[in-house]
N, C-alpha and C. Protein backbone atom coordinates (compact mmCIF):
# COMPACT_ATOMS: atom_id res chain seq x y z
N MET A 1 13.16 32.05 31.54
CA MET A 1 12.68 32.22 30.18
C MET A 1 12.35 30.85 29.60
N THR A 2 11.15 30.70 29.13
CA THR A 2 10.74 29.44 28.52
C THR A 2 10.99 29.49 27.03
N SER A 3 11.49 28.41 26.55
CA SER A 3 11.73 28.36 25.11
C SER A 3 10.59 27.59 24.46
N SER A 4 10.15 28.10 23.36
CA SER A 4 9.11 27.41 22.62
C SER A 4 9.78 26.48 21.62
N PRO A 5 9.10 25.41 21.28
CA PRO A 5 9.70 24.50 20.31
C PRO A 5 9.89 25.20 18.97
N SER A 6 11.03 24.98 18.40
CA SER A 6 11.30 25.58 17.09
C SER A 6 10.53 24.83 16.01
N LYS A 7 10.40 25.46 14.88
CA LYS A 7 9.66 24.85 13.79
C LYS A 7 10.26 23.51 13.35
N PRO A 8 11.60 23.39 13.24
CA PRO A 8 12.14 22.09 12.86
C PRO A 8 11.78 20.98 13.85
N ASP A 9 11.73 21.30 15.17
CA ASP A 9 11.35 20.29 16.15
C ASP A 9 9.90 19.86 15.94
N ALA A 10 9.03 20.81 15.68
CA ALA A 10 7.63 20.50 15.45
C ALA A 10 7.46 19.67 14.18
N ALA A 11 8.29 19.92 13.18
CA ALA A 11 8.19 19.19 11.92
C ALA A 11 8.83 17.81 12.02
N ARG A 12 9.66 17.59 13.03
CA ARG A 12 10.37 16.32 13.14
C ARG A 12 9.42 15.16 13.45
N HIS A 13 8.38 15.38 14.21
CA HIS A 13 7.48 14.30 14.59
C HIS A 13 6.82 13.64 13.38
N PRO A 14 6.29 14.38 12.42
CA PRO A 14 5.75 13.71 11.24
C PRO A 14 6.82 12.93 10.47
N LEU A 15 8.03 13.46 10.43
CA LEU A 15 9.11 12.76 9.74
C LEU A 15 9.44 11.46 10.46
N VAL A 16 9.47 11.50 11.79
CA VAL A 16 9.73 10.29 12.56
C VAL A 16 8.63 9.26 12.31
N LEU A 17 7.37 9.70 12.31
CA LEU A 17 6.26 8.80 12.06
C LEU A 17 6.37 8.19 10.66
N ALA A 18 6.65 9.01 9.67
CA ALA A 18 6.78 8.50 8.30
C ALA A 18 7.92 7.51 8.20
N THR A 19 9.02 7.79 8.89
CA THR A 19 10.17 6.89 8.88
C THR A 19 9.82 5.56 9.54
N LEU A 20 9.12 5.61 10.66
CA LEU A 20 8.70 4.38 11.34
C LEU A 20 7.74 3.56 10.47
N MET A 21 6.83 4.25 9.78
CA MET A 21 5.90 3.55 8.90
C MET A 21 6.64 2.87 7.76
N THR A 22 7.66 3.53 7.22
CA THR A 22 8.45 2.94 6.15
C THR A 22 9.22 1.73 6.67
N ALA A 23 9.78 1.83 7.87
CA ALA A 23 10.48 0.69 8.47
C ALA A 23 9.51 -0.48 8.68
N ALA A 24 8.30 -0.19 9.12
CA ALA A 24 7.30 -1.24 9.32
C ALA A 24 6.98 -1.93 7.99
N ALA A 25 6.88 -1.15 6.91
CA ALA A 25 6.62 -1.73 5.60
C ALA A 25 7.77 -2.66 5.19
N GLY A 26 9.00 -2.25 5.46
CA GLY A 26 10.14 -3.10 5.16
C GLY A 26 10.11 -4.39 5.96
N TYR A 27 9.75 -4.29 7.23
CA TYR A 27 9.65 -5.47 8.09
C TYR A 27 8.57 -6.42 7.57
N VAL A 28 7.41 -5.86 7.26
CA VAL A 28 6.30 -6.66 6.75
C VAL A 28 6.71 -7.36 5.45
N ASP A 29 7.42 -6.66 4.59
CA ASP A 29 7.88 -7.28 3.35
C ASP A 29 8.84 -8.43 3.61
N ALA A 30 9.79 -8.22 4.52
CA ALA A 30 10.77 -9.26 4.82
C ALA A 30 10.09 -10.50 5.39
N VAL A 31 9.17 -10.31 6.32
CA VAL A 31 8.46 -11.44 6.91
C VAL A 31 7.59 -12.12 5.85
N GLY A 32 6.86 -11.33 5.08
CA GLY A 32 6.03 -11.90 4.02
C GLY A 32 6.85 -12.69 3.02
N TYR A 33 7.98 -12.14 2.62
CA TYR A 33 8.83 -12.81 1.64
C TYR A 33 9.36 -14.13 2.20
N ALA A 34 9.81 -14.10 3.46
CA ALA A 34 10.40 -15.29 4.07
C ALA A 34 9.35 -16.35 4.42
N GLN A 35 8.17 -15.92 4.84
CA GLN A 35 7.17 -16.86 5.35
C GLN A 35 6.06 -17.20 4.35
N ALA A 36 5.95 -16.45 3.28
CA ALA A 36 4.83 -16.66 2.36
C ALA A 36 5.30 -16.96 0.94
N GLY A 37 6.40 -17.66 0.84
CA GLY A 37 6.84 -18.12 -0.48
C GLY A 37 7.25 -17.02 -1.43
N GLY A 38 7.87 -15.97 -0.93
CA GLY A 38 8.39 -14.93 -1.80
C GLY A 38 7.42 -13.83 -2.15
N LEU A 39 6.30 -13.74 -1.44
CA LEU A 39 5.36 -12.64 -1.69
C LEU A 39 5.75 -11.42 -0.88
N TYR A 40 5.73 -10.28 -1.53
CA TYR A 40 5.93 -9.01 -0.83
C TYR A 40 4.55 -8.49 -0.45
N LEU A 41 4.46 -7.81 0.67
CA LEU A 41 3.17 -7.31 1.12
C LEU A 41 3.02 -5.80 0.97
N SER A 42 4.12 -5.11 0.68
CA SER A 42 4.03 -3.67 0.40
C SER A 42 4.82 -3.28 -0.83
N PHE A 43 5.73 -4.11 -1.28
CA PHE A 43 6.61 -3.81 -2.42
C PHE A 43 5.98 -4.37 -3.69
N MET A 44 5.14 -3.58 -4.32
CA MET A 44 4.39 -4.07 -5.47
C MET A 44 5.24 -4.18 -6.73
N SER A 45 6.38 -3.51 -6.78
CA SER A 45 7.28 -3.69 -7.92
C SER A 45 7.77 -5.14 -7.94
N GLY A 46 8.17 -5.65 -6.78
CA GLY A 46 8.62 -7.04 -6.69
C GLY A 46 7.51 -8.01 -7.04
N ASN A 47 6.31 -7.74 -6.56
CA ASN A 47 5.18 -8.62 -6.87
C ASN A 47 4.81 -8.55 -8.34
N THR A 48 4.92 -7.39 -8.94
CA THR A 48 4.60 -7.26 -10.35
C THR A 48 5.61 -8.04 -11.19
N THR A 49 6.88 -7.98 -10.81
CA THR A 49 7.89 -8.78 -11.50
C THR A 49 7.57 -10.27 -11.34
N ARG A 50 7.21 -10.66 -10.13
CA ARG A 50 6.85 -12.06 -9.87
C ARG A 50 5.62 -12.46 -10.68
N LEU A 51 4.65 -11.57 -10.79
CA LEU A 51 3.45 -11.84 -11.58
C LEU A 51 3.80 -12.06 -13.05
N GLY A 52 4.69 -11.21 -13.57
CA GLY A 52 5.10 -11.35 -14.96
C GLY A 52 5.84 -12.65 -15.23
N THR A 53 6.73 -13.05 -14.31
CA THR A 53 7.46 -14.31 -14.51
C THR A 53 6.52 -15.50 -14.36
N ALA A 54 5.54 -15.42 -13.46
CA ALA A 54 4.55 -16.50 -13.32
C ALA A 54 3.69 -16.60 -14.57
N LEU A 55 3.37 -15.46 -15.15
CA LEU A 55 2.59 -15.44 -16.39
C LEU A 55 3.39 -16.08 -17.52
N ALA A 56 4.67 -15.72 -17.63
CA ALA A 56 5.52 -16.28 -18.68
C ALA A 56 5.69 -17.78 -18.51
N ALA A 57 5.76 -18.26 -17.27
CA ALA A 57 5.94 -19.69 -17.00
C ALA A 57 4.61 -20.43 -16.90
N LEU A 58 3.51 -19.70 -17.03
CA LEU A 58 2.16 -20.25 -16.87
C LEU A 58 1.99 -20.97 -15.53
N ASN A 59 2.57 -20.39 -14.48
CA ASN A 59 2.46 -20.93 -13.13
C ASN A 59 1.24 -20.30 -12.46
N LEU A 60 0.09 -20.95 -12.61
CA LEU A 60 -1.17 -20.38 -12.15
C LEU A 60 -1.22 -20.21 -10.64
N HIS A 61 -0.61 -21.11 -9.88
CA HIS A 61 -0.62 -21.00 -8.42
C HIS A 61 0.05 -19.70 -7.97
N VAL A 62 1.25 -19.44 -8.48
CA VAL A 62 1.98 -18.22 -8.13
C VAL A 62 1.26 -17.00 -8.70
N LEU A 63 0.76 -17.13 -9.93
CA LEU A 63 0.05 -16.04 -10.59
C LEU A 63 -1.15 -15.58 -9.76
N LEU A 64 -1.97 -16.52 -9.31
CA LEU A 64 -3.18 -16.16 -8.56
C LEU A 64 -2.85 -15.57 -7.19
N GLY A 65 -1.93 -16.18 -6.46
CA GLY A 65 -1.57 -15.66 -5.14
C GLY A 65 -1.00 -14.26 -5.23
N THR A 66 -0.12 -14.05 -6.21
CA THR A 66 0.50 -12.74 -6.38
C THR A 66 -0.53 -11.70 -6.81
N ALA A 67 -1.39 -12.08 -7.75
CA ALA A 67 -2.43 -11.16 -8.23
C ALA A 67 -3.36 -10.76 -7.09
N MET A 68 -3.67 -11.70 -6.21
CA MET A 68 -4.57 -11.39 -5.10
C MET A 68 -3.92 -10.42 -4.11
N VAL A 69 -2.62 -10.56 -3.87
CA VAL A 69 -1.93 -9.63 -2.97
C VAL A 69 -1.90 -8.24 -3.60
N ILE A 70 -1.65 -8.17 -4.91
CA ILE A 70 -1.64 -6.88 -5.61
C ILE A 70 -3.03 -6.23 -5.54
N CYS A 71 -4.07 -7.01 -5.77
CA CYS A 71 -5.44 -6.48 -5.68
C CYS A 71 -5.73 -5.97 -4.27
N ALA A 72 -5.26 -6.70 -3.26
CA ALA A 72 -5.47 -6.26 -1.88
C ALA A 72 -4.79 -4.92 -1.63
N PHE A 73 -3.59 -4.73 -2.19
CA PHE A 73 -2.88 -3.46 -2.04
C PHE A 73 -3.68 -2.32 -2.67
N VAL A 74 -4.22 -2.55 -3.87
CA VAL A 74 -5.01 -1.52 -4.55
C VAL A 74 -6.28 -1.22 -3.75
N ILE A 75 -6.90 -2.25 -3.19
CA ILE A 75 -8.06 -2.03 -2.32
C ILE A 75 -7.67 -1.14 -1.14
N GLY A 76 -6.49 -1.38 -0.59
CA GLY A 76 -6.00 -0.53 0.50
C GLY A 76 -5.78 0.90 0.06
N ALA A 77 -5.26 1.07 -1.16
CA ALA A 77 -5.06 2.43 -1.69
C ALA A 77 -6.40 3.14 -1.83
N VAL A 78 -7.40 2.41 -2.33
CA VAL A 78 -8.75 2.98 -2.46
C VAL A 78 -9.30 3.32 -1.07
N ALA A 79 -9.22 2.39 -0.15
CA ALA A 79 -9.75 2.62 1.20
C ALA A 79 -9.04 3.78 1.89
N GLY A 80 -7.72 3.84 1.78
CA GLY A 80 -6.97 4.93 2.39
C GLY A 80 -7.34 6.28 1.80
N THR A 81 -7.51 6.32 0.49
CA THR A 81 -7.90 7.56 -0.17
C THR A 81 -9.29 8.00 0.30
N LEU A 82 -10.21 7.05 0.41
CA LEU A 82 -11.56 7.38 0.88
C LEU A 82 -11.52 7.91 2.32
N VAL A 83 -10.70 7.31 3.17
CA VAL A 83 -10.60 7.78 4.56
C VAL A 83 -10.00 9.18 4.60
N VAL A 84 -8.92 9.40 3.84
CA VAL A 84 -8.25 10.71 3.84
C VAL A 84 -9.20 11.79 3.32
N GLU A 85 -10.02 11.45 2.34
CA GLU A 85 -10.92 12.44 1.75
C GLU A 85 -12.24 12.57 2.51
N ALA A 86 -12.47 11.72 3.49
CA ALA A 86 -13.70 11.80 4.28
C ALA A 86 -13.63 13.04 5.19
N PRO A 87 -14.78 13.57 5.54
CA PRO A 87 -14.78 14.76 6.41
C PRO A 87 -14.48 14.38 7.87
N VAL A 88 -13.25 13.96 8.10
CA VAL A 88 -12.81 13.64 9.46
C VAL A 88 -11.79 14.68 9.89
N ARG A 89 -11.72 14.90 11.18
CA ARG A 89 -10.84 15.95 11.70
C ARG A 89 -9.37 15.58 11.54
N ARG A 90 -9.03 14.35 11.79
CA ARG A 90 -7.63 13.91 11.73
C ARG A 90 -7.51 12.70 10.82
N PRO A 91 -7.39 12.94 9.53
CA PRO A 91 -7.37 11.82 8.58
C PRO A 91 -6.21 10.86 8.81
N MET A 92 -5.05 11.38 9.22
CA MET A 92 -3.91 10.50 9.45
C MET A 92 -4.23 9.50 10.56
N LEU A 93 -4.82 9.97 11.64
CA LEU A 93 -5.17 9.07 12.74
C LEU A 93 -6.22 8.06 12.30
N ALA A 94 -7.14 8.49 11.45
CA ALA A 94 -8.16 7.57 10.95
C ALA A 94 -7.52 6.47 10.10
N VAL A 95 -6.62 6.86 9.19
CA VAL A 95 -5.94 5.87 8.35
C VAL A 95 -5.12 4.93 9.22
N LEU A 96 -4.34 5.49 10.14
CA LEU A 96 -3.50 4.65 11.00
C LEU A 96 -4.35 3.74 11.89
N GLY A 97 -5.49 4.23 12.34
CA GLY A 97 -6.38 3.39 13.15
C GLY A 97 -6.90 2.19 12.38
N VAL A 98 -7.32 2.42 11.15
CA VAL A 98 -7.79 1.31 10.32
C VAL A 98 -6.63 0.37 10.01
N GLU A 99 -5.47 0.94 9.72
CA GLU A 99 -4.29 0.12 9.42
C GLU A 99 -3.93 -0.76 10.62
N ILE A 100 -3.93 -0.19 11.81
CA ILE A 100 -3.63 -0.97 13.02
C ILE A 100 -4.67 -2.07 13.22
N ALA A 101 -5.94 -1.76 12.99
CA ALA A 101 -6.99 -2.77 13.13
C ALA A 101 -6.77 -3.92 12.15
N LEU A 102 -6.40 -3.59 10.91
CA LEU A 102 -6.12 -4.63 9.92
C LEU A 102 -4.93 -5.50 10.33
N LEU A 103 -3.88 -4.86 10.83
CA LEU A 103 -2.69 -5.61 11.25
C LEU A 103 -3.00 -6.49 12.46
N CYS A 104 -3.80 -5.99 13.39
CA CYS A 104 -4.21 -6.81 14.55
C CYS A 104 -5.07 -7.99 14.10
N GLY A 105 -5.95 -7.74 13.15
CA GLY A 105 -6.76 -8.83 12.59
C GLY A 105 -5.88 -9.88 11.92
N ALA A 106 -4.86 -9.43 11.21
CA ALA A 106 -3.92 -10.36 10.57
C ALA A 106 -3.19 -11.19 11.61
N LEU A 107 -2.75 -10.55 12.69
CA LEU A 107 -2.06 -11.28 13.77
C LEU A 107 -2.98 -12.33 14.39
N ALA A 108 -4.23 -11.97 14.60
CA ALA A 108 -5.19 -12.92 15.18
C ALA A 108 -5.39 -14.12 14.25
N LEU A 109 -5.46 -13.86 12.95
CA LEU A 109 -5.63 -14.96 11.99
C LEU A 109 -4.39 -15.85 11.94
N VAL A 110 -3.21 -15.24 12.02
CA VAL A 110 -1.97 -16.03 12.05
C VAL A 110 -1.95 -16.90 13.30
N ALA A 111 -2.32 -16.33 14.43
CA ALA A 111 -2.36 -17.09 15.69
C ALA A 111 -3.34 -18.26 15.60
N ALA A 112 -4.38 -18.11 14.78
CA ALA A 112 -5.37 -19.17 14.59
C ALA A 112 -4.92 -20.18 13.55
N GLY A 113 -3.74 -19.96 12.94
CA GLY A 113 -3.20 -20.92 11.99
C GLY A 113 -3.49 -20.63 10.53
N SER A 114 -4.02 -19.47 10.23
CA SER A 114 -4.34 -19.10 8.85
C SER A 114 -3.15 -18.40 8.20
N LEU A 115 -2.97 -18.57 6.88
CA LEU A 115 -1.85 -17.90 6.21
C LEU A 115 -2.32 -16.89 5.16
N MET A 116 -3.12 -17.30 4.20
CA MET A 116 -3.45 -16.39 3.10
C MET A 116 -4.32 -15.19 3.52
N PRO A 117 -5.41 -15.36 4.27
CA PRO A 117 -6.18 -14.17 4.65
C PRO A 117 -5.36 -13.09 5.36
N PRO A 118 -4.45 -13.45 6.27
CA PRO A 118 -3.64 -12.38 6.88
C PRO A 118 -2.79 -11.63 5.86
N LEU A 119 -2.31 -12.33 4.84
CA LEU A 119 -1.51 -11.66 3.81
C LEU A 119 -2.32 -10.57 3.13
N PHE A 120 -3.58 -10.85 2.86
CA PHE A 120 -4.42 -9.86 2.20
C PHE A 120 -4.70 -8.68 3.12
N LEU A 121 -4.98 -8.96 4.39
CA LEU A 121 -5.21 -7.86 5.34
C LEU A 121 -3.97 -6.97 5.46
N ILE A 122 -2.80 -7.59 5.51
CA ILE A 122 -1.56 -6.82 5.62
C ILE A 122 -1.34 -6.00 4.35
N SER A 123 -1.60 -6.58 3.18
CA SER A 123 -1.43 -5.82 1.93
C SER A 123 -2.41 -4.66 1.84
N ILE A 124 -3.63 -4.86 2.32
CA ILE A 124 -4.60 -3.76 2.36
C ILE A 124 -4.05 -2.65 3.27
N ALA A 125 -3.53 -3.04 4.43
CA ALA A 125 -2.96 -2.06 5.36
C ALA A 125 -1.79 -1.30 4.72
N MET A 126 -0.96 -2.00 3.96
CA MET A 126 0.18 -1.34 3.33
C MET A 126 -0.27 -0.39 2.22
N GLY A 127 -1.33 -0.74 1.51
CA GLY A 127 -1.89 0.18 0.52
C GLY A 127 -2.43 1.43 1.19
N MET A 128 -3.07 1.25 2.34
CA MET A 128 -3.58 2.40 3.09
C MET A 128 -2.44 3.27 3.61
N GLN A 129 -1.33 2.63 3.95
CA GLN A 129 -0.22 3.37 4.54
C GLN A 129 0.31 4.45 3.59
N ASN A 130 0.22 4.22 2.30
CA ASN A 130 0.66 5.25 1.35
C ASN A 130 -0.16 6.52 1.52
N SER A 131 -1.45 6.38 1.84
CA SER A 131 -2.28 7.56 2.10
C SER A 131 -1.80 8.29 3.35
N ALA A 132 -1.44 7.53 4.37
CA ALA A 132 -0.94 8.15 5.60
C ALA A 132 0.36 8.89 5.34
N HIS A 133 1.22 8.33 4.50
CA HIS A 133 2.47 9.02 4.16
C HIS A 133 2.17 10.38 3.54
N GLN A 134 1.20 10.43 2.65
CA GLN A 134 0.88 11.70 2.00
C GLN A 134 0.33 12.70 3.01
N VAL A 135 -0.45 12.24 3.98
CA VAL A 135 -1.00 13.14 4.98
C VAL A 135 0.11 13.65 5.89
N VAL A 136 1.04 12.76 6.26
CA VAL A 136 2.10 13.12 7.19
C VAL A 136 3.02 14.17 6.60
N LEU A 137 3.48 13.95 5.41
CA LEU A 137 4.48 14.85 4.84
C LEU A 137 3.99 15.65 3.64
N GLY A 138 2.80 15.36 3.14
CA GLY A 138 2.30 16.07 1.98
C GLY A 138 3.08 15.74 0.73
N ALA A 139 3.77 14.61 0.74
CA ALA A 139 4.60 14.22 -0.40
C ALA A 139 4.47 12.73 -0.61
N ASP A 140 4.83 12.31 -1.80
CA ASP A 140 4.81 10.88 -2.13
C ASP A 140 6.10 10.24 -1.65
N VAL A 141 6.11 9.81 -0.39
CA VAL A 141 7.30 9.24 0.22
C VAL A 141 7.17 7.73 0.26
N GLY A 142 8.25 7.04 0.00
CA GLY A 142 8.28 5.60 0.19
C GLY A 142 7.60 4.80 -0.90
N LYS A 143 7.36 5.38 -2.04
CA LYS A 143 6.73 4.64 -3.12
C LYS A 143 7.71 4.49 -4.27
N SER A 144 7.84 3.28 -4.75
CA SER A 144 8.68 3.07 -5.92
C SER A 144 7.82 3.19 -7.16
N PHE A 145 8.40 2.96 -8.32
CA PHE A 145 7.67 3.19 -9.57
C PHE A 145 6.39 2.39 -9.65
N VAL A 146 6.47 1.08 -9.55
CA VAL A 146 5.29 0.25 -9.73
C VAL A 146 4.35 0.38 -8.53
N THR A 147 4.89 0.36 -7.34
CA THR A 147 4.05 0.52 -6.15
C THR A 147 3.32 1.85 -6.22
N GLY A 148 4.04 2.90 -6.59
CA GLY A 148 3.43 4.22 -6.73
C GLY A 148 2.37 4.24 -7.82
N THR A 149 2.62 3.53 -8.91
CA THR A 149 1.64 3.47 -9.99
C THR A 149 0.37 2.78 -9.52
N LEU A 150 0.51 1.67 -8.79
CA LEU A 150 -0.68 0.98 -8.28
C LEU A 150 -1.42 1.83 -7.26
N PHE A 151 -0.67 2.53 -6.41
CA PHE A 151 -1.32 3.42 -5.44
C PHE A 151 -2.07 4.53 -6.18
N SER A 152 -1.43 5.14 -7.18
CA SER A 152 -2.09 6.19 -7.96
C SER A 152 -3.31 5.63 -8.70
N PHE A 153 -3.24 4.37 -9.14
CA PHE A 153 -4.38 3.71 -9.76
C PHE A 153 -5.55 3.66 -8.78
N GLY A 154 -5.26 3.25 -7.54
CA GLY A 154 -6.31 3.22 -6.51
C GLY A 154 -6.89 4.59 -6.24
N GLN A 155 -6.02 5.60 -6.14
CA GLN A 155 -6.50 6.97 -5.93
C GLN A 155 -7.35 7.44 -7.11
N SER A 156 -6.92 7.11 -8.33
CA SER A 156 -7.66 7.57 -9.50
C SER A 156 -9.03 6.90 -9.59
N LEU A 157 -9.15 5.66 -9.09
CA LEU A 157 -10.46 5.01 -9.07
C LEU A 157 -11.44 5.80 -8.21
N VAL A 158 -10.96 6.27 -7.06
CA VAL A 158 -11.81 7.10 -6.19
C VAL A 158 -12.15 8.41 -6.89
N ALA A 159 -11.14 9.05 -7.46
CA ALA A 159 -11.36 10.34 -8.14
C ALA A 159 -12.33 10.19 -9.30
N ALA A 160 -12.22 9.09 -10.05
CA ALA A 160 -13.13 8.86 -11.18
C ALA A 160 -14.55 8.60 -10.68
N ALA A 161 -14.67 7.84 -9.60
CA ALA A 161 -15.99 7.55 -9.04
C ALA A 161 -16.67 8.82 -8.54
N LYS A 162 -15.86 9.78 -8.10
CA LYS A 162 -16.41 11.06 -7.62
C LYS A 162 -16.50 12.10 -8.73
N GLY A 163 -16.16 11.72 -9.96
CA GLY A 163 -16.28 12.63 -11.09
C GLY A 163 -15.19 13.69 -11.17
N ARG A 164 -14.09 13.52 -10.45
CA ARG A 164 -13.01 14.51 -10.47
C ARG A 164 -12.04 14.30 -11.61
N VAL A 165 -11.94 13.08 -12.10
CA VAL A 165 -11.07 12.80 -13.25
C VAL A 165 -11.83 11.88 -14.20
N ARG A 166 -11.37 11.87 -15.42
CA ARG A 166 -11.97 10.97 -16.40
C ARG A 166 -11.46 9.54 -16.16
N PRO A 167 -12.27 8.54 -16.47
CA PRO A 167 -11.83 7.16 -16.31
C PRO A 167 -10.53 6.85 -17.08
N MET A 168 -10.24 7.65 -18.10
CA MET A 168 -9.02 7.43 -18.87
C MET A 168 -7.78 7.52 -17.98
N GLU A 169 -7.82 8.36 -16.95
CA GLU A 169 -6.67 8.46 -16.05
C GLU A 169 -6.42 7.12 -15.36
N CYS A 170 -7.50 6.46 -14.94
CA CYS A 170 -7.36 5.13 -14.34
C CYS A 170 -6.73 4.18 -15.35
N ALA A 171 -7.20 4.26 -16.58
CA ALA A 171 -6.69 3.37 -17.63
C ALA A 171 -5.21 3.60 -17.89
N ILE A 172 -4.76 4.84 -17.81
CA ILE A 172 -3.34 5.13 -18.04
C ILE A 172 -2.49 4.48 -16.96
N TYR A 173 -2.90 4.59 -15.69
CA TYR A 173 -2.16 3.93 -14.61
C TYR A 173 -2.18 2.41 -14.81
N GLY A 174 -3.34 1.88 -15.16
CA GLY A 174 -3.45 0.44 -15.40
C GLY A 174 -2.58 -0.02 -16.55
N LEU A 175 -2.57 0.76 -17.62
CA LEU A 175 -1.73 0.43 -18.78
C LEU A 175 -0.25 0.47 -18.42
N SER A 176 0.14 1.45 -17.64
CA SER A 176 1.53 1.54 -17.21
C SER A 176 1.94 0.29 -16.44
N TRP A 177 1.06 -0.16 -15.54
CA TRP A 177 1.35 -1.36 -14.76
C TRP A 177 1.40 -2.60 -15.66
N LEU A 178 0.44 -2.73 -16.56
CA LEU A 178 0.42 -3.88 -17.47
C LEU A 178 1.64 -3.89 -18.39
N THR A 179 2.10 -2.72 -18.79
CA THR A 179 3.29 -2.63 -19.64
C THR A 179 4.51 -3.15 -18.90
N PHE A 180 4.62 -2.86 -17.61
CA PHE A 180 5.73 -3.38 -16.81
C PHE A 180 5.67 -4.91 -16.79
N ILE A 181 4.48 -5.48 -16.59
CA ILE A 181 4.33 -6.94 -16.58
C ILE A 181 4.74 -7.51 -17.93
N ALA A 182 4.30 -6.87 -19.01
CA ALA A 182 4.67 -7.35 -20.35
C ALA A 182 6.18 -7.35 -20.53
N GLY A 183 6.84 -6.34 -20.01
CA GLY A 183 8.29 -6.29 -20.10
C GLY A 183 8.95 -7.43 -19.34
N VAL A 184 8.37 -7.83 -18.21
CA VAL A 184 8.91 -8.94 -17.43
C VAL A 184 8.66 -10.26 -18.15
N ALA A 185 7.43 -10.43 -18.66
CA ALA A 185 7.06 -11.69 -19.30
C ALA A 185 7.80 -11.85 -20.61
């Protein structure tokens, strides 16, 4: 008698993938923080706090570097949303494929001695990864308040461009993020 896989076993693989992706984000953050002067590459709450303190101290060097990493993350959220919404058969594989390509590109740039461009590629990949999480589990997994707000901001930009939501929704996410910065500053 052959046994067929039970439903929980079939559901375990997406959970394992989502868990591995979350672990990878933690690793990327730890390496980014240790090697790039305290920048997080997927934890936008930490970067937003850093942005607010740099703004309060008028530290333009930290302000610009942090703002660029945050923008890269939002670009990744936009790109991931566009890939997930594209008429592709396996959106998760498409998102993960682009994410892997970005991470490989970052590794190649690091090997060539570059620091800042790889950070942006990695942050774009981490923004895209939030889209993959949603495809894997159909839930908002692994996003904290500010990171989730920035990801939702990226998604709302796509939705507004496609006429599915009013631009005001984008503004609400943006205002929420700016309010957090104001609280830090």
